[in-house]
Amino acid sequence: MIGYPNGKTAARSVNAQPLKQSAGGRGMSLENDLNKTNEYYLQLDKAVIHKKPTPIQIVQVDYPKRSAAKITEAYFKVPSTTDYNGVYRGKAIDFEAKETRSKTSFPFSHIHQHQIEHLERVLRQGAIAFVIVRFIAYDETYYVDAAKMIRQYRLAERKSLPYSWFVQEGILIPYSLTPPVHYLRVIDELYFKEK
């Protein structure tokens, strides 16, 4: 039997494998972790950072019931920029978040030319810009300064960045429960360290 917090129970098969819970199997994507982190920052009035919605053009809607609408056809209006933006300690924040299942590298196909160009533009305006990359196989999340990622993207002879590059050039963001991806700790260290 499996007991649930609401008091209900469910029978388990005799041949069922024991339930396993590991840090890597938390069942949360990077986006979910970042959204929880940003909500935590907002509740503490620490930072205002939000996920940007992807602009879409709705073409066709079906109404199977009078009270329900179902989008059946839609297209991306324009290429989106980066995933997140906002403000922290008076500075604009802009970043992209990516995951990879590869154990050996991060494919450049995961980040698009228009996103690189957007990061270049926000850097020129004085924003704090970066990319957060999660290697799912290792359950490791790295902060990479946008300028470093742009340089590698522009000069790369390969179609990917090796995992070892992230270990050397990125900054590991350790997992924590609250908040799950505490990237402001890295930003504080890099940009607001007391002299």
C-alpha atoms as a PDB file:
ATOM      1  CA  MET A   1       0.000   0.000   0.000  1.00  0.00           C
ATOM      2  CA  ILE A   2       1.059   3.564  -0.701  1.00  0.00           C
ATOM      3  CA  GLY A   3      -0.315   6.189   1.678  1.00  0.00           C
ATOM      4  CA  TYR A   4      -1.010   9.689   0.375  1.00  0.00           C
ATOM      5  CA  PRO A   5      -1.144  12.872   2.479  1.00  0.00           C
ATOM      6  CA  ASN A   6      -4.906  13.189   1.865  1.00  0.00           C
ATOM      7  CA  GLY A   7      -5.482   9.847   3.610  1.00  0.00           C
ATOM      8  CA  LYS A   8      -6.125   7.807   0.450  1.00  0.00           C
ATOM      9  CA  THR A   9      -4.173   4.656  -0.235  1.00  0.00           C
ATOM     10  CA  ALA A  10      -3.269   2.727  -3.370  1.00  0.00           C
ATOM     11  CA  ALA A  11      -2.209  -0.881  -3.635  1.00  0.00           C
ATOM     12  CA  ARG A  12       1.182  -1.699  -5.152  1.00  0.00           C
ATOM     13  CA  SER A  13       1.851  -4.737  -7.220  1.00  0.00           C
ATOM     14  CA  VAL A  14       3.818  -7.495  -5.495  1.00  0.00           C
ATOM     15  CA  ASN A  15       6.375  -7.350  -8.323  1.00  0.00           C
ATOM     16  CA  ALA A  16       6.665  -3.551  -8.289  1.00  0.00           C
ATOM     17  CA  GLN A  17      10.098  -2.036  -7.853  1.00  0.00           C
ATOM     18  CA  PRO A  18      10.680   0.014  -4.686  1.00  0.00           C
ATOM     19  CA  LEU A  19      10.089   3.719  -5.100  1.00  0.00           C
ATOM     20  CA  LYS A  20      13.382   5.578  -5.491  1.00  0.00           C
ATOM     21  CA  GLN A  21      13.969   9.262  -5.002  1.00  0.00           C
ATOM     22  CA  SER A  22      17.252  10.845  -5.961  1.00  0.00           C
ATOM     23  CA  ALA A  23      18.334  14.434  -6.426  1.00  0.00           C
ATOM     24  CA  GLY A  24      18.475  13.824 -10.176  1.00  0.00           C
ATOM     25  CA  GLY A  25      14.955  12.417 -10.208  1.00  0.00           C
ATOM     26  CA  ARG A  26      13.233  15.330  -8.568  1.00  0.00           C
ATOM     27  CA  GLY A  27      10.888  15.503 -11.549  1.00  0.00           C
ATOM     28  CA  MET A  28      11.453  19.213 -12.053  1.00  0.00           C
ATOM     29  CA  SER A  29      12.751  20.816 -15.184  1.00  0.00           C
ATOM     30  CA  LEU A  30      15.153  23.728 -15.170  1.00  0.00           C
ATOM     31  CA  GLU A  31      12.312  26.041 -16.154  1.00  0.00           C
ATOM     32  CA  ASN A  32      10.197  24.904 -13.195  1.00  0.00           C
ATOM     33  CA  ASP A  33      13.152  25.334 -10.855  1.00  0.00           C
ATOM     34  CA  LEU A  34      13.826  28.843 -12.190  1.00  0.00           C
ATOM     35  CA  ASN A  35      10.170  29.839 -11.944  1.00  0.00           C
ATOM     36  CA  LYS A  36      10.111  28.713  -8.299  1.00  0.00           C
ATOM     37  CA  THR A  37      13.376  30.553  -7.666  1.00  0.00           C
ATOM     38  CA  ASN A  38      12.049  33.760  -9.222  1.00  0.00           C
ATOM     39  CA  GLU A  39       8.809  33.498  -7.225  1.00  0.00           C
ATOM     40  CA  TYR A  40      10.909  33.105  -4.071  1.00  0.00           C
ATOM     41  CA  TYR A  41      12.939  36.222  -4.974  1.00  0.00           C
ATOM     42  CA  LEU A  42       9.722  38.146  -5.673  1.00  0.00           C
ATOM     43  CA  GLN A  43       8.104  37.127  -2.364  1.00  0.00           C
ATOM     44  CA  LEU A  44      11.187  38.299  -0.459  1.00  0.00           C
ATOM     45  CA  ASP A  45      11.251  41.526  -2.533  1.00  0.00           C
ATOM     46  CA  LYS A  46      14.795  40.604  -3.523  1.00  0.00           C
ATOM     47  CA  ALA A  47      14.392  40.807  -7.315  1.00  0.00           C
ATOM     48  CA  VAL A  48      11.691  41.118  -9.975  1.00  0.00           C
ATOM     49  CA  ILE A  49      12.483  38.594 -12.692  1.00  0.00           C
ATOM     50  CA  HIS A  50       9.882  36.905 -14.905  1.00  0.00           C
ATOM     51  CA  LYS A  51       9.727  34.356 -17.688  1.00  0.00           C
ATOM     52  CA  LYS A  52       8.862  36.032 -20.956  1.00  0.00           C
ATOM     53  CA  PRO A  53       5.918  34.525 -22.822  1.00  0.00           C
ATOM     54  CA  THR A  54       6.584  33.288 -26.333  1.00  0.00           C
ATOM     55  CA  PRO A  55       4.577  35.424 -28.781  1.00  0.00           C
ATOM     56  CA  ILE A  56       2.189  33.289 -30.844  1.00  0.00           C
ATOM     57  CA  GLN A  57      -0.409  34.003 -33.514  1.00  0.00           C
ATOM     58  CA  ILE A  58      -3.607  32.021 -32.963  1.00  0.00           C
ATOM     59  CA  VAL A  59      -5.032  30.891 -36.297  1.00  0.00           C
ATOM     60  CA  GLN A  60      -7.846  28.498 -35.434  1.00  0.00           C
ATOM     61  CA  VAL A  61      -9.925  27.858 -32.327  1.00  0.00           C
ATOM     62  CA  ASP A  62     -12.491  25.086 -31.834  1.00  0.00           C
ATOM     63  CA  TYR A  63     -15.330  25.420 -29.366  1.00  0.00           C
ATOM     64  CA  PRO A  64     -16.247  21.829 -28.377  1.00  0.00           C
ATOM     65  CA  LYS A  65     -18.452  23.198 -25.575  1.00  0.00           C
ATOM     66  CA  ARG A  66     -19.994  26.529 -25.058  1.00  0.00           C
ATOM     67  CA  SER A  67     -17.783  27.160 -22.027  1.00  0.00           C
ATOM     68  CA  ALA A  68     -14.521  25.813 -23.469  1.00  0.00           C
ATOM     69  CA  ALA A  69     -12.211  26.925 -26.249  1.00  0.00           C
ATOM     70  CA  LYS A  70      -9.411  24.823 -27.713  1.00  0.00           C
ATOM     71  CA  ILE A  71      -6.609  26.306 -29.816  1.00  0.00           C
ATOM     72  CA  THR A  72      -6.053  23.915 -32.713  1.00  0.00           C
ATOM     73  CA  GLU A  73      -3.605  25.911 -34.831  1.00  0.00           C
ATOM     74  CA  ALA A  74      -1.078  28.569 -33.861  1.00  0.00           C
ATOM     75  CA  TYR A  75       2.297  29.851 -35.078  1.00  0.00           C
ATOM     76  CA  PHE A  76       5.204  31.681 -33.527  1.00  0.00           C
ATOM     77  CA  LYS A  77       4.860  35.361 -34.484  1.00  0.00           C
ATOM     78  CA  VAL A  78       8.525  36.281 -34.233  1.00  0.00           C
ATOM     79  CA  PRO A  79      11.578  34.533 -32.811  1.00  0.00           C
ATOM     80  CA  SER A  80      11.627  35.067 -29.073  1.00  0.00           C
ATOM     81  CA  THR A  81      14.613  36.680 -27.394  1.00  0.00           C
ATOM     82  CA  THR A  82      15.723  35.124 -24.093  1.00  0.00           C
ATOM     83  CA  ASP A  83      13.704  33.279 -21.478  1.00  0.00           C
ATOM     84  CA  TYR A  84      13.930  35.622 -18.489  1.00  0.00           C
ATOM     85  CA  ASN A  85      14.395  39.289 -17.715  1.00  0.00           C
ATOM     86  CA  GLY A  86      13.874  41.711 -14.878  1.00  0.00           C
ATOM     87  CA  VAL A  87      15.727  43.871 -12.401  1.00  0.00           C
ATOM     88  CA  TYR A  88      17.973  43.221  -9.399  1.00  0.00           C
ATOM     89  CA  ARG A  89      19.634  45.860  -7.230  1.00  0.00           C
ATOM     90  CA  GLY A  90      18.989  48.521  -9.874  1.00  0.00           C
ATOM     91  CA  LYS A  91      20.516  46.507 -12.734  1.00  0.00           C
ATOM     92  CA  ALA A  92      18.703  44.930 -15.663  1.00  0.00           C
ATOM     93  CA  ILE A  93      18.940  41.135 -15.718  1.00  0.00           C
ATOM     94  CA  ASP A  94      18.499  39.116 -18.923  1.00  0.00           C
ATOM     95  CA  PHE A  95      19.218  35.417 -19.362  1.00  0.00           C
ATOM     96  CA  GLU A  96      18.536  32.267 -21.292  1.00  0.00           C
ATOM     97  CA  ALA A  97      18.026  28.844 -19.676  1.00  0.00           C
ATOM     98  CA  LYS A  98      18.917  25.595 -21.446  1.00  0.00           C
ATOM     99  CA  GLU A  99      19.037  21.908 -20.569  1.00  0.00           C
ATOM    100  CA  THR A 100      20.955  19.107 -22.237  1.00  0.00           C
ATOM    101  CA  ARG A 101      20.781  15.345 -21.802  1.00  0.00           C
ATOM    102  CA  SER A 102      24.258  14.929 -23.259  1.00  0.00           C
ATOM    103  CA  LYS A 103      26.987  13.811 -20.856  1.00  0.00           C
ATOM    104  CA  THR A 104      29.791  15.153 -23.004  1.00  0.00           C
ATOM    105  CA  SER A 105      28.730  18.533 -24.415  1.00  0.00           C
ATOM    106  CA  PHE A 106      26.196  21.315 -24.854  1.00  0.00           C
ATOM    107  CA  PRO A 107      25.045  21.494 -28.505  1.00  0.00           C
ATOM    108  CA  PHE A 108      25.051  24.994 -29.986  1.00  0.00           C
ATOM    109  CA  SER A 109      21.815  24.015 -31.738  1.00  0.00           C
ATOM    110  CA  HIS A 110      20.144  24.542 -28.323  1.00  0.00           C
ATOM    111  CA  ILE A 111      20.804  28.281 -28.503  1.00  0.00           C
ATOM    112  CA  HIS A 112      19.792  30.319 -31.519  1.00  0.00           C
ATOM    113  CA  GLN A 113      21.505  33.089 -33.450  1.00  0.00           C
ATOM    114  CA  HIS A 114      18.789  35.638 -32.564  1.00  0.00           C
ATOM    115  CA  GLN A 115      19.259  34.833 -28.859  1.00  0.00           C
ATOM    116  CA  ILE A 116      23.011  35.417 -29.136  1.00  0.00           C
ATOM    117  CA  GLU A 117      22.354  38.734 -30.878  1.00  0.00           C
ATOM    118  CA  HIS A 118      19.868  39.729 -28.170  1.00  0.00           C
ATOM    119  CA  LEU A 119      22.390  38.936 -25.419  1.00  0.00           C
ATOM    120  CA  GLU A 120      24.978  41.069 -27.243  1.00  0.00           C
ATOM    121  CA  ARG A 121      22.517  43.985 -27.361  1.00  0.00           C
ATOM    122  CA  VAL A 122      21.607  43.848 -23.676  1.00  0.00           C
ATOM    123  CA  LEU A 123      25.287  43.612 -22.727  1.00  0.00           C
ATOM    124  CA  ARG A 124      25.968  46.793 -24.730  1.00  0.00           C
ATOM    125  CA  GLN A 125      23.240  48.507 -22.692  1.00  0.00           C
ATOM    126  CA  GLY A 126      24.927  47.550 -19.419  1.00  0.00           C
ATOM    127  CA  ALA A 127      22.639  44.695 -18.357  1.00  0.00           C
ATOM    128  CA  ILE A 128      23.785  41.634 -16.459  1.00  0.00           C
ATOM    129  CA  ALA A 129      23.371  38.901 -19.078  1.00  0.00           C
ATOM    130  CA  PHE A 130      24.099  35.197 -18.788  1.00  0.00           C
ATOM    131  CA  VAL A 131      23.058  31.687 -19.740  1.00  0.00           C
ATOM    132  CA  ILE A 132      22.082  28.991 -17.250  1.00  0.00           C
ATOM    133  CA  VAL A 133      22.830  25.498 -18.547  1.00  0.00           C
ATOM    134  CA  ARG A 134      21.766  22.283 -16.819  1.00  0.00           C
ATOM    135  CA  PHE A 135      23.444  18.967 -17.578  1.00  0.00           C
ATOM    136  CA  ILE A 136      20.592  16.601 -16.719  1.00  0.00           C
ATOM    137  CA  ALA A 137      22.819  13.494 -16.620  1.00  0.00           C
ATOM    138  CA  TYR A 138      24.962  15.016 -13.848  1.00  0.00           C
ATOM    139  CA  ASP A 139      22.205  17.094 -12.217  1.00  0.00           C
ATOM    140  CA  GLU A 140      24.538  20.097 -12.482  1.00  0.00           C
ATOM    141  CA  THR A 141      23.487  23.633 -13.287  1.00  0.00           C
ATOM    142  CA  TYR A 142      26.016  26.213 -14.486  1.00  0.00           C
ATOM    143  CA  TYR A 143      25.981  30.006 -14.680  1.00  0.00           C
ATOM    144  CA  VAL A 144      27.843  31.197 -17.794  1.00  0.00           C
ATOM    145  CA  ASP A 145      28.523  34.867 -18.418  1.00  0.00           C
ATOM    146  CA  ALA A 146      26.888  35.884 -21.707  1.00  0.00           C
ATOM    147  CA  ALA A 147      30.122  37.363 -23.084  1.00  0.00           C
ATOM    148  CA  LYS A 148      31.879  33.995 -22.645  1.00  0.00           C
ATOM    149  CA  MET A 149      29.014  32.090 -24.274  1.00  0.00           C
ATOM    150  CA  ILE A 150      28.860  34.563 -27.186  1.00  0.00           C
ATOM    151  CA  ARG A 151      32.620  34.301 -27.744  1.00  0.00           C
ATOM    152  CA  GLN A 152      32.461  30.496 -27.802  1.00  0.00           C
ATOM    153  CA  TYR A 153      29.420  30.531 -30.086  1.00  0.00           C
ATOM    154  CA  ARG A 154      31.129  32.882 -32.566  1.00  0.00           C
ATOM    155  CA  LEU A 155      34.589  31.283 -32.550  1.00  0.00           C
ATOM    156  CA  ALA A 156      33.746  27.621 -32.092  1.00  0.00           C
ATOM    157  CA  GLU A 157      35.163  25.130 -34.533  1.00  0.00           C
ATOM    158  CA  ARG A 158      32.836  22.478 -33.116  1.00  0.00           C
ATOM    159  CA  LYS A 159      29.044  22.325 -33.045  1.00  0.00           C
ATOM    160  CA  SER A 160      29.045  22.056 -29.275  1.00  0.00           C
ATOM    161  CA  LEU A 161      30.806  23.111 -26.099  1.00  0.00           C
ATOM    162  CA  PRO A 162      32.391  20.254 -24.143  1.00  0.00           C
ATOM    163  CA  TYR A 163      31.129  19.550 -20.626  1.00  0.00           C
ATOM    164  CA  SER A 164      34.692  20.164 -19.366  1.00  0.00           C
ATOM    165  CA  TRP A 165      34.454  23.776 -20.612  1.00  0.00           C
ATOM    166  CA  PHE A 166      31.486  24.376 -18.270  1.00  0.00           C
ATOM    167  CA  VAL A 167      33.379  22.866 -15.355  1.00  0.00           C
ATOM    168  CA  GLN A 168      36.330  25.232 -16.024  1.00  0.00           C
ATOM    169  CA  GLU A 169      34.609  28.400 -17.282  1.00  0.00           C
ATOM    170  CA  GLY A 170      31.119  28.245 -15.779  1.00  0.00           C
ATOM    171  CA  ILE A 171      30.101  28.652 -12.164  1.00  0.00           C
ATOM    172  CA  LEU A 172      28.320  25.679 -10.618  1.00  0.00           C
ATOM    173  CA  ILE A 173      25.045  26.665  -8.944  1.00  0.00           C
ATOM    174  CA  PRO A 174      24.443  24.102  -6.205  1.00  0.00           C
ATOM    175  CA  TYR A 175      20.882  22.791  -5.840  1.00  0.00           C
ATOM    176  CA  SER A 176      19.018  23.913  -2.743  1.00  0.00           C
ATOM    177  CA  LEU A 177      15.414  23.497  -1.684  1.00  0.00           C
ATOM    178  CA  THR A 178      14.708  27.195  -1.296  1.00  0.00           C
ATOM    179  CA  PRO A 179      15.368  28.529  -3.854  1.00  0.00           C
ATOM    180  CA  PRO A 180      16.222  25.625  -6.178  1.00  0.00           C
ATOM    181  CA  VAL A 181      18.574  27.607  -8.496  1.00  0.00           C
ATOM    182  CA  HIS A 182      20.036  30.404  -6.357  1.00  0.00           C
ATOM    183  CA  TYR A 183      21.696  32.312  -9.212  1.00  0.00           C
ATOM    184  CA  LEU A 184      21.546  35.677  -7.402  1.00  0.00           C
ATOM    185  CA  ARG A 185      24.271  34.369  -5.114  1.00  0.00           C
ATOM    186  CA  VAL A 186      26.544  34.157  -8.177  1.00  0.00           C
ATOM    187  CA  ILE A 187      25.500  37.627  -9.370  1.00  0.00           C
ATOM    188  CA  ASP A 188      26.206  39.085  -5.918  1.00  0.00           C
ATOM    189  CA  GLU A 189      29.686  37.564  -5.995  1.00  0.00           C
ATOM    190  CA  LEU A 190      30.453  38.780  -9.522  1.00  0.00           C
ATOM    191  CA  TYR A 191      28.834  42.223  -9.567  1.00  0.00           C
ATOM    192  CA  PHE A 192      28.078  43.413  -6.043  1.00  0.00           C
ATOM    193  CA  LYS A 193      30.895  42.039  -3.929  1.00  0.00           C
ATOM    194  CA  GLU A 194      31.767  44.440  -1.136  1.00  0.00           C
ATOM    195  CA  LYS A 195      35.205  45.893  -1.535  1.00  0.00           C
END
